[in-house]
Amino acid sequence: MMTKCPDSCQISFAATDQQLKTEQTLAAQAKALSHPARLRILHILHTLDAMDSCLNSDLVSELGLAQSTVSEHLRILKQANFIKAEPNPPKVCYRINREALNTFNAKFSDFLS
């Protein structure tokens, strides 16, 4: 049951420019996390990070997806700053960006508090 705000209650839901920017950033980052394959990639990178390693092998066989699809998932995670790509010729070494994930978690928690 929802309680009605008394007539004298004045709640403003107007957002500041900073609040709108925060909401847009959080939404874009949440969207980057909204696919099971991207969550799987982050889980793999998290596991490798614990071993002080990075991913420079082929994710296609691990995920069972086409190379172009895997590349797109990596691009989205990189654009959201959740992963870092380091050149490691002839391949690229992907690492989780723990700082960015922690920042997202903190901002999301602050947003709801």
N, C-alpha and C. Protein backbone atom coordinates (compact mmCIF):
# COMPACT_ATOMS: atom_id res chain seq x y z
N MET A 1 0.84 -1.17 0.00
CA MET A 1 0.00 0.00 0.00
C MET A 1 0.89 1.24 0.00
N MET A 2 0.57 2.17 -0.84
CA MET A 2 1.36 3.38 -0.99
C MET A 2 0.73 4.50 -0.16
N THR A 3 1.55 5.20 0.59
CA THR A 3 1.08 6.32 1.39
C THR A 3 1.13 7.58 0.54
N LYS A 4 0.07 8.33 0.59
CA LYS A 4 0.00 9.57 -0.17
C LYS A 4 0.72 10.68 0.57
N CYS A 5 1.39 11.50 -0.19
CA CYS A 5 2.06 12.66 0.39
C CYS A 5 1.00 13.69 0.78
N PRO A 6 1.07 14.21 2.01
CA PRO A 6 0.08 15.24 2.42
C PRO A 6 0.13 16.44 1.48
N ASP A 7 -0.94 17.20 1.46
CA ASP A 7 -1.03 18.37 0.59
C ASP A 7 0.11 19.36 0.83
N SER A 8 0.61 19.41 2.06
CA SER A 8 1.67 20.36 2.38
C SER A 8 3.05 19.83 1.98
N CYS A 9 3.11 18.58 1.57
CA CYS A 9 4.38 17.97 1.20
C CYS A 9 4.81 18.48 -0.17
N GLN A 10 6.03 18.95 -0.26
CA GLN A 10 6.52 19.44 -1.53
C GLN A 10 7.82 18.73 -1.87
N ILE A 11 7.72 17.82 -2.80
CA ILE A 11 8.88 17.06 -3.23
C ILE A 11 9.22 17.50 -4.65
N SER A 12 10.46 17.82 -4.84
CA SER A 12 10.91 18.21 -6.17
C SER A 12 11.73 17.07 -6.77
N PHE A 13 11.36 16.67 -7.94
CA PHE A 13 12.09 15.61 -8.64
C PHE A 13 12.94 16.19 -9.77
N ALA A 14 13.09 17.50 -9.79
CA ALA A 14 13.91 18.14 -10.81
C ALA A 14 15.36 17.73 -10.61
N ALA A 15 16.00 17.36 -11.69
CA ALA A 15 17.38 16.90 -11.62
C ALA A 15 18.33 18.01 -12.07
N THR A 16 19.46 18.08 -11.40
CA THR A 16 20.50 19.02 -11.82
C THR A 16 21.20 18.46 -13.05
N ASP A 17 21.96 19.29 -13.71
CA ASP A 17 22.73 18.83 -14.87
C ASP A 17 23.67 17.69 -14.47
N GLN A 18 24.26 17.80 -13.28
CA GLN A 18 25.18 16.76 -12.81
C GLN A 18 24.43 15.45 -12.57
N GLN A 19 23.23 15.53 -11.99
CA GLN A 19 22.44 14.32 -11.77
C GLN A 19 22.07 13.66 -13.09
N LEU A 20 21.70 14.47 -14.07
CA LEU A 20 21.35 13.93 -15.38
C LEU A 20 22.56 13.25 -16.03
N LYS A 21 23.71 13.87 -15.90
CA LYS A 21 24.93 13.30 -16.46
C LYS A 21 25.26 11.97 -15.76
N THR A 22 25.13 11.94 -14.44
CA THR A 22 25.38 10.71 -13.68
C THR A 22 24.43 9.61 -14.12
N GLU A 23 23.15 9.95 -14.27
CA GLU A 23 22.16 8.97 -14.71
C GLU A 23 22.49 8.43 -16.10
N GLN A 24 22.91 9.30 -17.00
CA GLN A 24 23.25 8.86 -18.35
C GLN A 24 24.48 7.95 -18.35
N THR A 25 25.47 8.31 -17.55
CA THR A 25 26.69 7.50 -17.46
C THR A 25 26.38 6.13 -16.85
N LEU A 26 25.63 6.11 -15.75
CA LEU A 26 25.26 4.85 -15.12
C LEU A 26 24.45 3.97 -16.06
N ALA A 27 23.53 4.57 -16.79
CA ALA A 27 22.70 3.80 -17.72
C ALA A 27 23.55 3.20 -18.84
N ALA A 28 24.49 3.97 -19.37
CA ALA A 28 25.36 3.45 -20.43
C ALA A 28 26.24 2.31 -19.91
N GLN A 29 26.75 2.46 -18.70
CA GLN A 29 27.59 1.41 -18.14
C GLN A 29 26.75 0.18 -17.80
N ALA A 30 25.56 0.38 -17.27
CA ALA A 30 24.69 -0.76 -16.96
C ALA A 30 24.33 -1.50 -18.25
N LYS A 31 24.12 -0.77 -19.31
CA LYS A 31 23.81 -1.40 -20.60
C LYS A 31 24.98 -2.26 -21.06
N ALA A 32 26.20 -1.80 -20.82
CA ALA A 32 27.38 -2.58 -21.20
C ALA A 32 27.45 -3.89 -20.42
N LEU A 33 26.87 -3.91 -19.23
CA LEU A 33 26.87 -5.11 -18.39
C LEU A 33 25.65 -5.99 -18.62
N SER A 34 24.77 -5.59 -19.52
CA SER A 34 23.47 -6.23 -19.63
C SER A 34 23.42 -7.45 -20.55
N HIS A 35 24.54 -7.98 -20.94
CA HIS A 35 24.54 -9.16 -21.81
C HIS A 35 25.31 -10.29 -21.13
N PRO A 36 24.75 -11.50 -21.14
CA PRO A 36 25.43 -12.63 -20.49
C PRO A 36 26.85 -12.88 -21.00
N ALA A 37 27.09 -12.69 -22.28
CA ALA A 37 28.45 -12.92 -22.82
C ALA A 37 29.43 -11.91 -22.25
N ARG A 38 29.00 -10.66 -22.08
CA ARG A 38 29.90 -9.65 -21.52
C ARG A 38 30.17 -9.93 -20.04
N LEU A 39 29.16 -10.41 -19.33
CA LEU A 39 29.38 -10.79 -17.94
C LEU A 39 30.34 -11.98 -17.86
N ARG A 40 30.22 -12.91 -18.79
CA ARG A 40 31.12 -14.06 -18.83
C ARG A 40 32.55 -13.59 -19.10
N ILE A 41 32.72 -12.66 -20.02
CA ILE A 41 34.04 -12.11 -20.31
C ILE A 41 34.63 -11.48 -19.05
N LEU A 42 33.83 -10.69 -18.35
CA LEU A 42 34.32 -10.06 -17.11
C LEU A 42 34.69 -11.12 -16.07
N HIS A 43 33.90 -12.18 -15.99
CA HIS A 43 34.22 -13.25 -15.04
C HIS A 43 35.56 -13.91 -15.40
N ILE A 44 35.77 -14.17 -16.67
CA ILE A 44 37.03 -14.76 -17.13
C ILE A 44 38.19 -13.83 -16.80
N LEU A 45 38.02 -12.55 -17.09
CA LEU A 45 39.09 -11.58 -16.82
C LEU A 45 39.34 -11.43 -15.31
N HIS A 46 38.29 -11.48 -14.52
CA HIS A 46 38.43 -11.42 -13.06
C HIS A 46 39.25 -12.62 -12.56
N THR A 47 38.95 -13.78 -13.08
CA THR A 47 39.67 -14.99 -12.68
C THR A 47 41.14 -14.90 -13.08
N LEU A 48 41.40 -14.43 -14.29
CA LEU A 48 42.79 -14.28 -14.75
C LEU A 48 43.52 -13.21 -13.94
N ASP A 49 42.81 -12.14 -13.58
CA ASP A 49 43.41 -11.07 -12.80
C ASP A 49 43.90 -11.59 -11.45
N ALA A 50 43.13 -12.48 -10.85
CA ALA A 50 43.52 -13.07 -9.56
C ALA A 50 44.82 -13.87 -9.70
N MET A 51 45.10 -14.35 -10.91
CA MET A 51 46.34 -15.10 -11.17
C MET A 51 47.42 -14.20 -11.76
N ASP A 52 47.17 -12.87 -11.74
CA ASP A 52 48.09 -11.89 -12.32
C ASP A 52 48.38 -12.19 -13.79
N SER A 53 47.30 -12.50 -14.51
CA SER A 53 47.42 -12.82 -15.92
C SER A 53 46.40 -12.01 -16.70
N CYS A 54 46.47 -12.10 -18.01
CA CYS A 54 45.50 -11.40 -18.85
C CYS A 54 45.04 -12.34 -19.94
N LEU A 55 44.04 -11.92 -20.65
CA LEU A 55 43.47 -12.75 -21.70
C LEU A 55 44.06 -12.34 -23.04
N ASN A 56 44.80 -13.24 -23.64
CA ASN A 56 45.27 -12.98 -25.00
C ASN A 56 45.00 -14.18 -25.87
N SER A 57 44.12 -15.04 -25.40
CA SER A 57 43.74 -16.20 -26.19
C SER A 57 42.40 -15.94 -26.86
N ASP A 58 41.97 -16.89 -27.61
CA ASP A 58 40.76 -16.76 -28.39
C ASP A 58 39.53 -17.03 -27.53
N LEU A 59 38.66 -16.05 -27.39
CA LEU A 59 37.43 -16.20 -26.63
C LEU A 59 36.32 -16.89 -27.41
N VAL A 60 36.50 -17.00 -28.70
CA VAL A 60 35.44 -17.55 -29.55
C VAL A 60 35.05 -18.96 -29.10
N SER A 61 36.04 -19.81 -28.88
CA SER A 61 35.72 -21.18 -28.47
C SER A 61 35.16 -21.21 -27.05
N GLU A 62 35.63 -20.35 -26.18
CA GLU A 62 35.14 -20.30 -24.80
C GLU A 62 33.68 -19.85 -24.74
N LEU A 63 33.33 -18.87 -25.55
CA LEU A 63 31.98 -18.32 -25.52
C LEU A 63 31.03 -18.98 -26.52
N GLY A 64 31.59 -19.66 -27.50
CA GLY A 64 30.76 -20.29 -28.53
C GLY A 64 30.07 -19.28 -29.42
N LEU A 65 30.73 -18.17 -29.65
CA LEU A 65 30.18 -17.10 -30.48
C LEU A 65 31.11 -16.82 -31.66
N ALA A 66 30.59 -16.16 -32.66
CA ALA A 66 31.40 -15.77 -33.82
C ALA A 66 32.44 -14.73 -33.40
N GLN A 67 33.56 -14.72 -34.10
CA GLN A 67 34.64 -13.77 -33.80
C GLN A 67 34.14 -12.33 -33.83
N SER A 68 33.32 -12.00 -34.81
CA SER A 68 32.81 -10.63 -34.91
C SER A 68 31.94 -10.27 -33.70
N THR A 69 31.18 -11.23 -33.20
CA THR A 69 30.33 -10.99 -32.02
C THR A 69 31.18 -10.79 -30.77
N VAL A 70 32.20 -11.62 -30.61
CA VAL A 70 33.11 -11.48 -29.47
C VAL A 70 33.81 -10.13 -29.53
N SER A 71 34.27 -9.75 -30.71
CA SER A 71 34.93 -8.45 -30.88
C SER A 71 34.00 -7.31 -30.49
N GLU A 72 32.75 -7.42 -30.85
CA GLU A 72 31.78 -6.37 -30.51
C GLU A 72 31.57 -6.31 -28.99
N HIS A 73 31.48 -7.46 -28.34
CA HIS A 73 31.34 -7.47 -26.88
C HIS A 73 32.56 -6.84 -26.21
N LEU A 74 33.74 -7.16 -26.70
CA LEU A 74 34.97 -6.57 -26.16
C LEU A 74 34.98 -5.05 -26.38
N ARG A 75 34.54 -4.63 -27.55
CA ARG A 75 34.49 -3.19 -27.86
C ARG A 75 33.56 -2.47 -26.89
N ILE A 76 32.41 -3.05 -26.61
CA ILE A 76 31.43 -2.42 -25.71
C ILE A 76 31.99 -2.33 -24.30
N LEU A 77 32.61 -3.40 -23.82
CA LEU A 77 33.21 -3.39 -22.48
C LEU A 77 34.36 -2.39 -22.39
N LYS A 78 35.12 -2.29 -23.47
CA LYS A 78 36.24 -1.33 -23.50
C LYS A 78 35.71 0.10 -23.53
N GLN A 79 34.68 0.33 -24.33
CA GLN A 79 34.08 1.67 -24.42
C GLN A 79 33.52 2.10 -23.07
N ALA A 80 32.97 1.16 -22.31
CA ALA A 80 32.45 1.47 -20.97
C ALA A 80 33.56 1.56 -19.93
N ASN A 81 34.79 1.30 -20.36
CA ASN A 81 35.98 1.39 -19.52
C ASN A 81 36.09 0.25 -18.50
N PHE A 82 35.35 -0.84 -18.73
CA PHE A 82 35.39 -1.97 -17.81
C PHE A 82 36.56 -2.91 -18.09
N ILE A 83 37.13 -2.80 -19.28
CA ILE A 83 38.32 -3.60 -19.59
C ILE A 83 39.35 -2.71 -20.26
N LYS A 84 40.60 -3.16 -20.19
CA LYS A 84 41.71 -2.47 -20.84
C LYS A 84 42.30 -3.42 -21.87
N ALA A 85 42.73 -2.87 -22.97
CA ALA A 85 43.39 -3.65 -24.02
C ALA A 85 44.83 -3.18 -24.14
N GLU A 86 45.75 -4.10 -23.91
CA GLU A 86 47.17 -3.78 -23.99
C GLU A 86 47.78 -4.54 -25.16
N PRO A 87 48.51 -3.85 -26.03
CA PRO A 87 49.16 -4.57 -27.13
C PRO A 87 50.14 -5.61 -26.59
N ASN A 88 50.05 -6.80 -27.12
CA ASN A 88 50.94 -7.89 -26.77
C ASN A 88 51.16 -8.70 -28.04
N PRO A 89 51.94 -8.11 -29.00
CA PRO A 89 52.04 -8.69 -30.33
C PRO A 89 52.31 -10.18 -30.30
N PRO A 90 51.63 -10.91 -31.15
CA PRO A 90 50.75 -10.46 -32.25
C PRO A 90 49.30 -10.28 -31.83
N LYS A 91 49.01 -10.42 -30.55
CA LYS A 91 47.63 -10.30 -30.08
C LYS A 91 47.48 -9.11 -29.15
N VAL A 92 46.27 -8.97 -28.62
CA VAL A 92 45.98 -7.93 -27.63
C VAL A 92 45.69 -8.64 -26.32
N CYS A 93 46.21 -8.11 -25.25
CA CYS A 93 46.01 -8.68 -23.92
C CYS A 93 44.92 -7.87 -23.21
N TYR A 94 43.84 -8.52 -22.85
CA TYR A 94 42.73 -7.84 -22.18
C TYR A 94 42.81 -8.06 -20.68
N ARG A 95 42.58 -6.98 -19.95
CA ARG A 95 42.57 -7.03 -18.49
C ARG A 95 41.31 -6.35 -17.99
N ILE A 96 40.85 -6.80 -16.85
CA ILE A 96 39.71 -6.16 -16.21
C ILE A 96 40.17 -4.82 -15.64
N ASN A 97 39.32 -3.81 -15.71
CA ASN A 97 39.63 -2.51 -15.13
C ASN A 97 38.89 -2.42 -13.80
N ARG A 98 39.51 -2.97 -12.78
CA ARG A 98 38.89 -3.07 -11.45
C ARG A 98 38.50 -1.69 -10.91
N GLU A 99 39.33 -0.69 -11.17
CA GLU A 99 39.03 0.66 -10.69
C GLU A 99 37.72 1.17 -11.27
N ALA A 100 37.52 0.97 -12.56
CA ALA A 100 36.29 1.42 -13.21
C ALA A 100 35.07 0.66 -12.68
N LEU A 101 35.22 -0.64 -12.45
CA LEU A 101 34.11 -1.42 -11.90
C LEU A 101 33.78 -0.98 -10.48
N ASN A 102 34.81 -0.72 -9.68
CA ASN A 102 34.59 -0.24 -8.31
C ASN A 102 33.92 1.13 -8.30
N THR A 103 34.33 1.99 -9.22
CA THR A 103 33.73 3.32 -9.33
C THR A 103 32.27 3.22 -9.72
N PHE A 104 31.97 2.35 -10.69
CA PHE A 104 30.58 2.13 -11.10
C PHE A 104 29.75 1.65 -9.91
N ASN A 105 30.27 0.68 -9.19
CA ASN A 105 29.57 0.13 -8.04
C ASN A 105 29.30 1.21 -6.99
N ALA A 106 30.29 2.02 -6.70
CA ALA A 106 30.15 3.09 -5.72
C ALA A 106 29.14 4.14 -6.17
N LYS A 107 29.24 4.56 -7.44
CA LYS A 107 28.31 5.58 -7.96
C LYS A 107 26.87 5.05 -7.97
N PHE A 108 26.71 3.78 -8.33
CA PHE A 108 25.37 3.21 -8.36
C PHE A 108 24.80 3.13 -6.94
N SER A 109 25.62 2.73 -5.99
CA SER A 109 25.18 2.67 -4.59
C SER A 109 24.82 4.06 -4.08
N ASP A 110 25.65 5.05 -4.39
CA ASP A 110 25.37 6.43 -3.98
C ASP A 110 24.09 6.95 -4.63
N PHE A 111 23.88 6.58 -5.88
CA PHE A 111 22.71 7.03 -6.63
C PHE A 111 21.42 6.57 -5.95
N LEU A 112 21.43 5.38 -5.38
CA LEU A 112 20.23 4.83 -4.76
C LEU A 112 20.11 5.13 -3.27
N SER A 113 21.11 5.80 -2.73
CA SER A 113 21.03 6.09 -1.29
C SER A 113 20.59 7.52 -1.03
